[in-house]
Amino acid sequence: MTYHAKVIAGGKIVIPADLRREFGIKDGDTLILEKDEEGGLSIMTFEQSVRDSQRRARAIFGESYSIDQFLRERRADWGEE
């Protein structure tokens, strides 16, 4: 489904209420705007951005890699273990 958003004074974007409800967007929430390869604009909630970053990290490090493992490796690199 296609939605339309209006840009009002000060560059503010009015997101349709249906989308705000669907994505749980509340007043004061942080949204991430990103320019894509074709020059388009993508808007994500902060939570969506975190999940996307986690997906990318899993693709690089594997499913079982954890922050604990990362910290152990760094401590070993720094001679702390």
PDB file of N, CA and C in Angstrom:
ATOM      1  N   MET A   1       0.843  -1.182   0.000  1.00  0.00           N
ATOM      2  CA  MET A   1       0.000   0.000   0.000  1.00  0.00           C
ATOM      3  C   MET A   1       0.886   1.242   0.000  1.00  0.00           C
ATOM      4  N   THR A   2       0.502   2.234  -0.710  1.00  0.00           N
ATOM      5  CA  THR A   2       1.238   3.494  -0.791  1.00  0.00           C
ATOM      6  C   THR A   2       0.601   4.522   0.126  1.00  0.00           C
ATOM      7  N   TYR A   3       1.451   5.219   0.865  1.00  0.00           N
ATOM      8  CA  TYR A   3       0.983   6.292   1.743  1.00  0.00           C
ATOM      9  C   TYR A   3       1.611   7.596   1.286  1.00  0.00           C
ATOM     10  N   HIS A   4       1.001   8.682   1.670  1.00  0.00           N
ATOM     11  CA  HIS A   4       1.534  10.001   1.370  1.00  0.00           C
ATOM     12  C   HIS A   4       1.804  10.711   2.682  1.00  0.00           C
ATOM     13  N   ALA A   5       2.934  11.400   2.765  1.00  0.00           N
ATOM     14  CA  ALA A   5       3.277  12.193   3.938  1.00  0.00           C
ATOM     15  C   ALA A   5       3.474  13.626   3.482  1.00  0.00           C
ATOM     16  N   LYS A   6       3.098  14.529   4.330  1.00  0.00           N
ATOM     17  CA  LYS A   6       3.218  15.941   3.991  1.00  0.00           C
ATOM     18  C   LYS A   6       4.384  16.545   4.767  1.00  0.00           C
ATOM     19  N   VAL A   7       5.164  17.389   4.096  1.00  0.00           N
ATOM     20  CA  VAL A   7       6.223  18.141   4.762  1.00  0.00           C
ATOM     21  C   VAL A   7       5.635  19.492   5.135  1.00  0.00           C
ATOM     22  N   ILE A   8       5.729  19.818   6.426  1.00  0.00           N
ATOM     23  CA  ILE A   8       5.170  21.084   6.901  1.00  0.00           C
ATOM     24  C   ILE A   8       6.313  22.010   7.325  1.00  0.00           C
ATOM     25  N   ALA A   9       5.970  23.167   7.846  1.00  0.00           N
ATOM     26  CA  ALA A   9       6.959  24.182   8.228  1.00  0.00           C
ATOM     27  C   ALA A   9       8.095  23.577   9.046  1.00  0.00           C
ATOM     28  N   GLY A  10       9.291  24.012   8.753  1.00  0.00           N
ATOM     29  CA  GLY A  10      10.463  23.540   9.477  1.00  0.00           C
ATOM     30  C   GLY A  10      10.961  22.187   9.011  1.00  0.00           C
ATOM     31  N   GLY A  11      10.439  21.685   7.886  1.00  0.00           N
ATOM     32  CA  GLY A  11      10.881  20.398   7.356  1.00  0.00           C
ATOM     33  C   GLY A  11      10.307  19.202   8.093  1.00  0.00           C
ATOM     34  N   LYS A  12       9.297  19.401   8.904  1.00  0.00           N
ATOM     35  CA  LYS A  12       8.682  18.293   9.639  1.00  0.00           C
ATOM     36  C   LYS A  12       7.836  17.442   8.689  1.00  0.00           C
ATOM     37  N   ILE A  13       7.929  16.125   8.869  1.00  0.00           N
ATOM     38  CA  ILE A  13       7.168  15.188   8.051  1.00  0.00           C
ATOM     39  C   ILE A  13       6.013  14.656   8.876  1.00  0.00           C
ATOM     40  N   VAL A  14       4.826  14.733   8.331  1.00  0.00           N
ATOM     41  CA  VAL A  14       3.643  14.202   9.007  1.00  0.00           C
ATOM     42  C   VAL A  14       3.418  12.780   8.491  1.00  0.00           C
ATOM     43  N   ILE A  15       3.630  11.797   9.380  1.00  0.00           N
ATOM     44  CA  ILE A  15       3.459  10.384   9.028  1.00  0.00           C
ATOM     45  C   ILE A  15       2.001  10.015   9.273  1.00  0.00           C
ATOM     46  N   PRO A  16       1.358   9.364   8.303  1.00  0.00           N
ATOM     47  CA  PRO A  16      -0.048   8.990   8.475  1.00  0.00           C
ATOM     48  C   PRO A  16      -0.265   8.167   9.758  1.00  0.00           C
ATOM     49  N   ALA A  17      -1.384   8.410  10.407  1.00  0.00           N
ATOM     50  CA  ALA A  17      -1.706   7.761  11.683  1.00  0.00           C
ATOM     51  C   ALA A  17      -1.690   6.238  11.576  1.00  0.00           C
ATOM     52  N   ASP A  18      -2.180   5.686  10.457  1.00  0.00           N
ATOM     53  CA  ASP A  18      -2.175   4.229  10.275  1.00  0.00           C
ATOM     54  C   ASP A  18      -0.766   3.665  10.420  1.00  0.00           C
ATOM     55  N   LEU A  19       0.208   4.328   9.789  1.00  0.00           N
ATOM     56  CA  LEU A  19       1.592   3.854   9.851  1.00  0.00           C
ATOM     57  C   LEU A  19       2.185   4.040  11.240  1.00  0.00           C
ATOM     58  N   ARG A  20       1.875   5.153  11.887  1.00  0.00           N
ATOM     59  CA  ARG A  20       2.378   5.366  13.255  1.00  0.00           C
ATOM     60  C   ARG A  20       1.871   4.269  14.181  1.00  0.00           C
ATOM     61  N   ARG A  21       0.609   3.914  14.051  1.00  0.00           N
ATOM     62  CA  ARG A  21       0.051   2.834  14.887  1.00  0.00           C
ATOM     63  C   ARG A  21       0.694   1.493  14.548  1.00  0.00           C
ATOM     64  N   GLU A  22       0.791   1.177  13.255  1.00  0.00           N
ATOM     65  CA  GLU A  22       1.341  -0.107  12.819  1.00  0.00           C
ATOM     66  C   GLU A  22       2.779  -0.310  13.310  1.00  0.00           C
ATOM     67  N   PHE A  23       3.584   0.752  13.270  1.00  0.00           N
ATOM     68  CA  PHE A  23       4.986   0.636  13.648  1.00  0.00           C
ATOM     69  C   PHE A  23       5.256   1.084  15.081  1.00  0.00           C
ATOM     70  N   GLY A  24       4.207   1.461  15.794  1.00  0.00           N
ATOM     71  CA  GLY A  24       4.369   1.854  17.188  1.00  0.00           C
ATOM     72  C   GLY A  24       5.138   3.149  17.363  1.00  0.00           C
ATOM     73  N   ILE A  25       5.029   4.042  16.407  1.00  0.00           N
ATOM     74  CA  ILE A  25       5.757   5.316  16.470  1.00  0.00           C
ATOM     75  C   ILE A  25       4.971   6.288  17.348  1.00  0.00           C
ATOM     76  N   LYS A  26       5.664   6.803  18.355  1.00  0.00           N
ATOM     77  CA  LYS A  26       5.046   7.738  19.313  1.00  0.00           C
ATOM     78  C   LYS A  26       5.754   9.087  19.230  1.00  0.00           C
ATOM     79  N   ASP A  27       5.101  10.121  19.732  1.00  0.00           N
ATOM     80  CA  ASP A  27       5.724  11.446  19.789  1.00  0.00           C
ATOM     81  C   ASP A  27       7.058  11.351  20.519  1.00  0.00           C
ATOM     82  N   GLY A  28       8.078  11.949  19.958  1.00  0.00           N
ATOM     83  CA  GLY A  28       9.396  11.963  20.578  1.00  0.00           C
ATOM     84  C   GLY A  28      10.290  10.800  20.188  1.00  0.00           C
ATOM     85  N   ASP A  29       9.757   9.791  19.470  1.00  0.00           N
ATOM     86  CA  ASP A  29      10.585   8.659  19.031  1.00  0.00           C
ATOM     87  C   ASP A  29      11.639   9.129  18.029  1.00  0.00           C
ATOM     88  N   THR A  30      12.739   8.394  17.976  1.00  0.00           N
ATOM     89  CA  THR A  30      13.800   8.671  17.027  1.00  0.00           C
ATOM     90  C   THR A  30      13.587   7.814  15.787  1.00  0.00           C
ATOM     91  N   LEU A  31      13.638   8.441  14.624  1.00  0.00           N
ATOM     92  CA  LEU A  31      13.554   7.726  13.359  1.00  0.00           C
ATOM     93  C   LEU A  31      14.869   7.920  12.615  1.00  0.00           C
ATOM     94  N   ILE A  32      15.263   6.906  11.852  1.00  0.00           N
ATOM     95  CA  ILE A  32      16.497   6.939  11.082  1.00  0.00           C
ATOM     96  C   ILE A  32      16.134   7.134   9.616  1.00  0.00           C
ATOM     97  N   LEU A  33      16.713   8.146   8.981  1.00  0.00           N
ATOM     98  CA  LEU A  33      16.504   8.390   7.555  1.00  0.00           C
ATOM     99  C   LEU A  33      17.782   8.013   6.836  1.00  0.00           C
ATOM    100  N   GLU A  34      17.631   7.247   5.756  1.00  0.00           N
ATOM    101  CA  GLU A  34      18.793   6.757   5.031  1.00  0.00           C
ATOM    102  C   GLU A  34      18.555   6.904   3.533  1.00  0.00           C
ATOM    103  N   LYS A  35      19.572   7.381   2.840  1.00  0.00           N
ATOM    104  CA  LYS A  35      19.504   7.487   1.381  1.00  0.00           C
ATOM    105  C   LYS A  35      19.938   6.147   0.797  1.00  0.00           C
ATOM    106  N   ASP A  36      19.131   5.586  -0.113  1.00  0.00           N
ATOM    107  CA  ASP A  36      19.501   4.293  -0.704  1.00  0.00           C
ATOM    108  C   ASP A  36      20.338   4.500  -1.970  1.00  0.00           C
ATOM    109  N   GLU A  37      20.744   3.362  -2.583  1.00  0.00           N
ATOM    110  CA  GLU A  37      21.638   3.395  -3.742  1.00  0.00           C
ATOM    111  C   GLU A  37      21.040   4.139  -4.936  1.00  0.00           C
ATOM    112  N   GLU A  38      19.727   4.105  -5.070  1.00  0.00           N
ATOM    113  CA  GLU A  38      19.075   4.767  -6.205  1.00  0.00           C
ATOM    114  C   GLU A  38      18.723   6.218  -5.908  1.00  0.00           C
ATOM    115  N   GLY A  39      19.106   6.711  -4.735  1.00  0.00           N
ATOM    116  CA  GLY A  39      18.805   8.092  -4.376  1.00  0.00           C
ATOM    117  C   GLY A  39      17.464   8.255  -3.691  1.00  0.00           C
ATOM    118  N   GLY A  40      16.818   7.128  -3.347  1.00  0.00           N
ATOM    119  CA  GLY A  40      15.555   7.186  -2.621  1.00  0.00           C
ATOM    120  C   GLY A  40      15.791   7.381  -1.129  1.00  0.00           C
ATOM    121  N   LEU A  41      14.722   7.526  -0.396  1.00  0.00           N
ATOM    122  CA  LEU A  41      14.799   7.777   1.036  1.00  0.00           C
ATOM    123  C   LEU A  41      14.087   6.660   1.788  1.00  0.00           C
ATOM    124  N   SER A  42      14.750   6.140   2.796  1.00  0.00           N
ATOM    125  CA  SER A  42      14.180   5.091   3.633  1.00  0.00           C
ATOM    126  C   SER A  42      14.044   5.644   5.048  1.00  0.00           C
ATOM    127  N   ILE A  43      12.923   5.361   5.691  1.00  0.00           N
ATOM    128  CA  ILE A  43      12.705   5.784   7.077  1.00  0.00           C
ATOM    129  C   ILE A  43      12.507   4.536   7.914  1.00  0.00           C
ATOM    130  N   MET A  44      13.284   4.419   8.991  1.00  0.00           N
ATOM    131  CA  MET A  44      13.179   3.272   9.895  1.00  0.00           C
ATOM    132  C   MET A  44      13.028   3.760  11.325  1.00  0.00           C
ATOM    133  N   THR A  45      12.366   2.949  12.122  1.00  0.00           N
ATOM    134  CA  THR A  45      12.362   3.236  13.550  1.00  0.00           C
ATOM    135  C   THR A  45      13.733   2.867  14.099  1.00  0.00           C
ATOM    136  N   PHE A  46      14.065   3.360  15.265  1.00  0.00           N
ATOM    137  CA  PHE A  46      15.338   3.024  15.895  1.00  0.00           C
ATOM    138  C   PHE A  46      15.438   1.517  16.087  1.00  0.00           C
ATOM    139  N   GLU A  47      14.339   0.887  16.510  1.00  0.00           N
ATOM    140  CA  GLU A  47      14.327  -0.559  16.725  1.00  0.00           C
ATOM    141  C   GLU A  47      14.597  -1.321  15.432  1.00  0.00           C
ATOM    142  N   GLN A  48      14.007  -0.872  14.323  1.00  0.00           N
ATOM    143  CA  GLN A  48      14.259  -1.515  13.031  1.00  0.00           C
ATOM    144  C   GLN A  48      15.726  -1.387  12.646  1.00  0.00           C
ATOM    145  N   SER A  49      16.321  -0.236  12.911  1.00  0.00           N
ATOM    146  CA  SER A  49      17.725  -0.016  12.599  1.00  0.00           C
ATOM    147  C   SER A  49      18.628  -0.945  13.421  1.00  0.00           C
ATOM    148  N   VAL A  50      18.297  -1.126  14.702  1.00  0.00           N
ATOM    149  CA  VAL A  50      19.074  -2.034  15.557  1.00  0.00           C
ATOM    150  C   VAL A  50      18.973  -3.463  15.022  1.00  0.00           C
ATOM    151  N   ARG A  51      17.749  -3.914  14.701  1.00  0.00           N
ATOM    152  CA  ARG A  51      17.571  -5.274  14.168  1.00  0.00           C
ATOM    153  C   ARG A  51      18.345  -5.458  12.860  1.00  0.00           C
ATOM    154  N   ASP A  52      18.341  -4.439  12.002  1.00  0.00           N
ATOM    155  CA  ASP A  52      19.076  -4.522  10.742  1.00  0.00           C
ATOM    156  C   ASP A  52      20.576  -4.624  11.006  1.00  0.00           C
ATOM    157  N   SER A  53      21.083  -3.850  11.953  1.00  0.00           N
ATOM    158  CA  SER A  53      22.504  -3.919  12.307  1.00  0.00           C
ATOM    159  C   SER A  53      22.857  -5.284  12.876  1.00  0.00           C
ATOM    160  N   GLN A  54      21.980  -5.838  13.705  1.00  0.00           N
ATOM    161  CA  GLN A  54      22.214  -7.170  14.264  1.00  0.00           C
ATOM    162  C   GLN A  54      22.247  -8.220  13.151  1.00  0.00           C
ATOM    163  N   ARG A  55      21.350  -8.112  12.185  1.00  0.00           N
ATOM    164  CA  ARG A  55      21.317  -9.054  11.054  1.00  0.00           C
ATOM    165  C   ARG A  55      22.617  -8.985  10.269  1.00  0.00           C
ATOM    166  N   ARG A  56      23.100  -7.761  10.023  1.00  0.00           N
ATOM    167  CA  ARG A  56      24.349  -7.589   9.281  1.00  0.00           C
ATOM    168  C   ARG A  56      25.528  -8.166  10.066  1.00  0.00           C
ATOM    169  N   ALA A  57      25.555  -7.955  11.373  1.00  0.00           N
ATOM    170  CA  ALA A  57      26.646  -8.483  12.201  1.00  0.00           C
ATOM    171  C   ALA A  57      26.628 -10.006  12.194  1.00  0.00           C
ATOM    172  N   ARG A  58      25.434 -10.618  12.283  1.00  0.00           N
ATOM    173  CA  ARG A  58      25.340 -12.084  12.235  1.00  0.00           C
ATOM    174  C   ARG A  58      25.857 -12.630  10.914  1.00  0.00           C
ATOM    175  N   ALA A  59      25.598 -11.910   9.826  1.00  0.00           N
ATOM    176  CA  ALA A  59      26.073 -12.346   8.520  1.00  0.00           C
ATOM    177  C   ALA A  59      27.602 -12.325   8.464  1.00  0.00           C
ATOM    178  N   ILE A  60      28.221 -11.407   9.176  1.00  0.00           N
ATOM    179  CA  ILE A  60      29.682 -11.290   9.181  1.00  0.00           C
ATOM    180  C   ILE A  60      30.313 -12.253  10.190  1.00  0.00           C
ATOM    181  N   PHE A  61      29.792 -12.278  11.424  1.00  0.00           N
ATOM    182  CA  PHE A  61      30.429 -13.014  12.517  1.00  0.00           C
ATOM    183  C   PHE A  61      29.824 -14.385  12.784  1.00  0.00           C
ATOM    184  N   GLY A  62      28.647 -14.655  12.241  1.00  0.00           N
ATOM    185  CA  GLY A  62      27.971 -15.921  12.483  1.00  0.00           C
ATOM    186  C   GLY A  62      26.934 -15.803  13.584  1.00  0.00           C
ATOM    187  N   GLU A  63      26.034 -16.761  13.608  1.00  0.00           N
ATOM    188  CA  GLU A  63      24.905 -16.739  14.543  1.00  0.00           C
ATOM    189  C   GLU A  63      25.317 -16.865  16.004  1.00  0.00           C
ATOM    190  N   SER A  64      26.391 -17.631  16.272  1.00  0.00           N
ATOM    191  CA  SER A  64      26.713 -17.944  17.663  1.00  0.00           C
ATOM    192  C   SER A  64      27.673 -16.939  18.311  1.00  0.00           C
ATOM    193  N   TYR A  65      28.165 -15.958  17.559  1.00  0.00           N
ATOM    194  CA  TYR A  65      29.110 -14.983  18.100  1.00  0.00           C
ATOM    195  C   TYR A  65      28.389 -14.094  19.100  1.00  0.00           C
ATOM    196  N   SER A  66      28.997 -13.892  20.264  1.00  0.00           N
ATOM    197  CA  SER A  66      28.336 -13.102  21.306  1.00  0.00           C
ATOM    198  C   SER A  66      29.225 -11.953  21.757  1.00  0.00           C
ATOM    199  N   ILE A  67      28.640 -11.023  22.459  1.00  0.00           N
ATOM    200  CA  ILE A  67      29.397  -9.906  23.007  1.00  0.00           C
ATOM    201  C   ILE A  67      30.421 -10.417  24.014  1.00  0.00           C
ATOM    202  N   ASP A  68      30.078 -11.473  24.744  1.00  0.00           N
ATOM    203  CA  ASP A  68      31.035 -12.059  25.691  1.00  0.00           C
ATOM    204  C   ASP A  68      32.266 -12.593  24.961  1.00  0.00           C
ATOM    205  N   GLN A  69      32.038 -13.254  23.842  1.00  0.00           N
ATOM    206  CA  GLN A  69      33.155 -13.765  23.042  1.00  0.00           C
ATOM    207  C   GLN A  69      34.006 -12.603  22.523  1.00  0.00           C
ATOM    208  N   PHE A  70      33.348 -11.569  22.043  1.00  0.00           N
ATOM    209  CA  PHE A  70      34.053 -10.383  21.554  1.00  0.00           C
ATOM    210  C   PHE A  70      34.926  -9.789  22.653  1.00  0.00           C
ATOM    211  N   LEU A  71      34.356  -9.627  23.851  1.00  0.00           N
ATOM    212  CA  LEU A  71      35.117  -9.041  24.954  1.00  0.00           C
ATOM    213  C   LEU A  71      36.292  -9.922  25.360  1.00  0.00           C
ATOM    214  N   ARG A  72      36.098 -11.239  25.374  1.00  0.00           N
ATOM    215  CA  ARG A  72      37.202 -12.151  25.678  1.00  0.00           C
ATOM    216  C   ARG A  72      38.333 -11.984  24.669  1.00  0.00           C
ATOM    217  N   GLU A  73      37.977 -11.894  23.396  1.00  0.00           N
ATOM    218  CA  GLU A  73      38.982 -11.715  22.348  1.00  0.00           C
ATOM    219  C   GLU A  73      39.731 -10.396  22.509  1.00  0.00           C
ATOM    220  N   ARG A  74      39.013  -9.316  22.796  1.00  0.00           N
ATOM    221  CA  ARG A  74      39.668  -8.016  22.977  1.00  0.00           C
ATOM    222  C   ARG A  74      40.586  -8.038  24.196  1.00  0.00           C
ATOM    223  N   ARG A  75      40.118  -8.631  25.310  1.00  0.00           N
ATOM    224  CA  ARG A  75      40.955  -8.703  26.509  1.00  0.00           C
ATOM    225  C   ARG A  75      42.212  -9.501  26.230  1.00  0.00           C
ATOM    226  N   ALA A  76      42.082 -10.577  25.464  1.00  0.00           N
ATOM    227  CA  ALA A  76      43.264 -11.379  25.098  1.00  0.00           C
ATOM    228  C   ALA A  76      44.201 -10.536  24.227  1.00  0.00           C
ATOM    229  N   ASP A  77      43.658  -9.785  23.297  1.00  0.00           N
ATOM    230  CA  ASP A  77      44.485  -8.906  22.441  1.00  0.00           C
ATOM    231  C   ASP A  77      45.236  -7.884  23.272  1.00  0.00           C
ATOM    232  N   TRP A  78      44.596  -7.390  24.348  1.00  0.00           N
ATOM    233  CA  TRP A  78      45.187  -6.348  25.175  1.00  0.00           C
ATOM    234  C   TRP A  78      46.029  -6.934  26.316  1.00  0.00           C
ATOM    235  N   GLY A  79      46.116  -8.275  26.369  1.00  0.00           N
ATOM    236  CA  GLY A  79      46.907  -8.929  27.407  1.00  0.00           C
ATOM    237  C   GLY A  79      46.261  -8.889  28.774  1.00  0.00           C
ATOM    238  N   GLU A  80      44.957  -8.770  28.838  1.00  0.00           N
ATOM    239  CA  GLU A  80      44.255  -8.688  30.121  1.00  0.00           C
ATOM    240  C   GLU A  80      43.793 -10.049  30.620  1.00  0.00           C
ATOM    241  N   GLU A  81      43.933 -11.098  29.837  1.00  0.00           N
ATOM    242  CA  GLU A  81      43.505 -12.417  30.282  1.00  0.00           C
ATOM    243  C   GLU A  81      44.661 -13.379  30.262  1.00  0.00           C
TER     244      GLU A  81
END
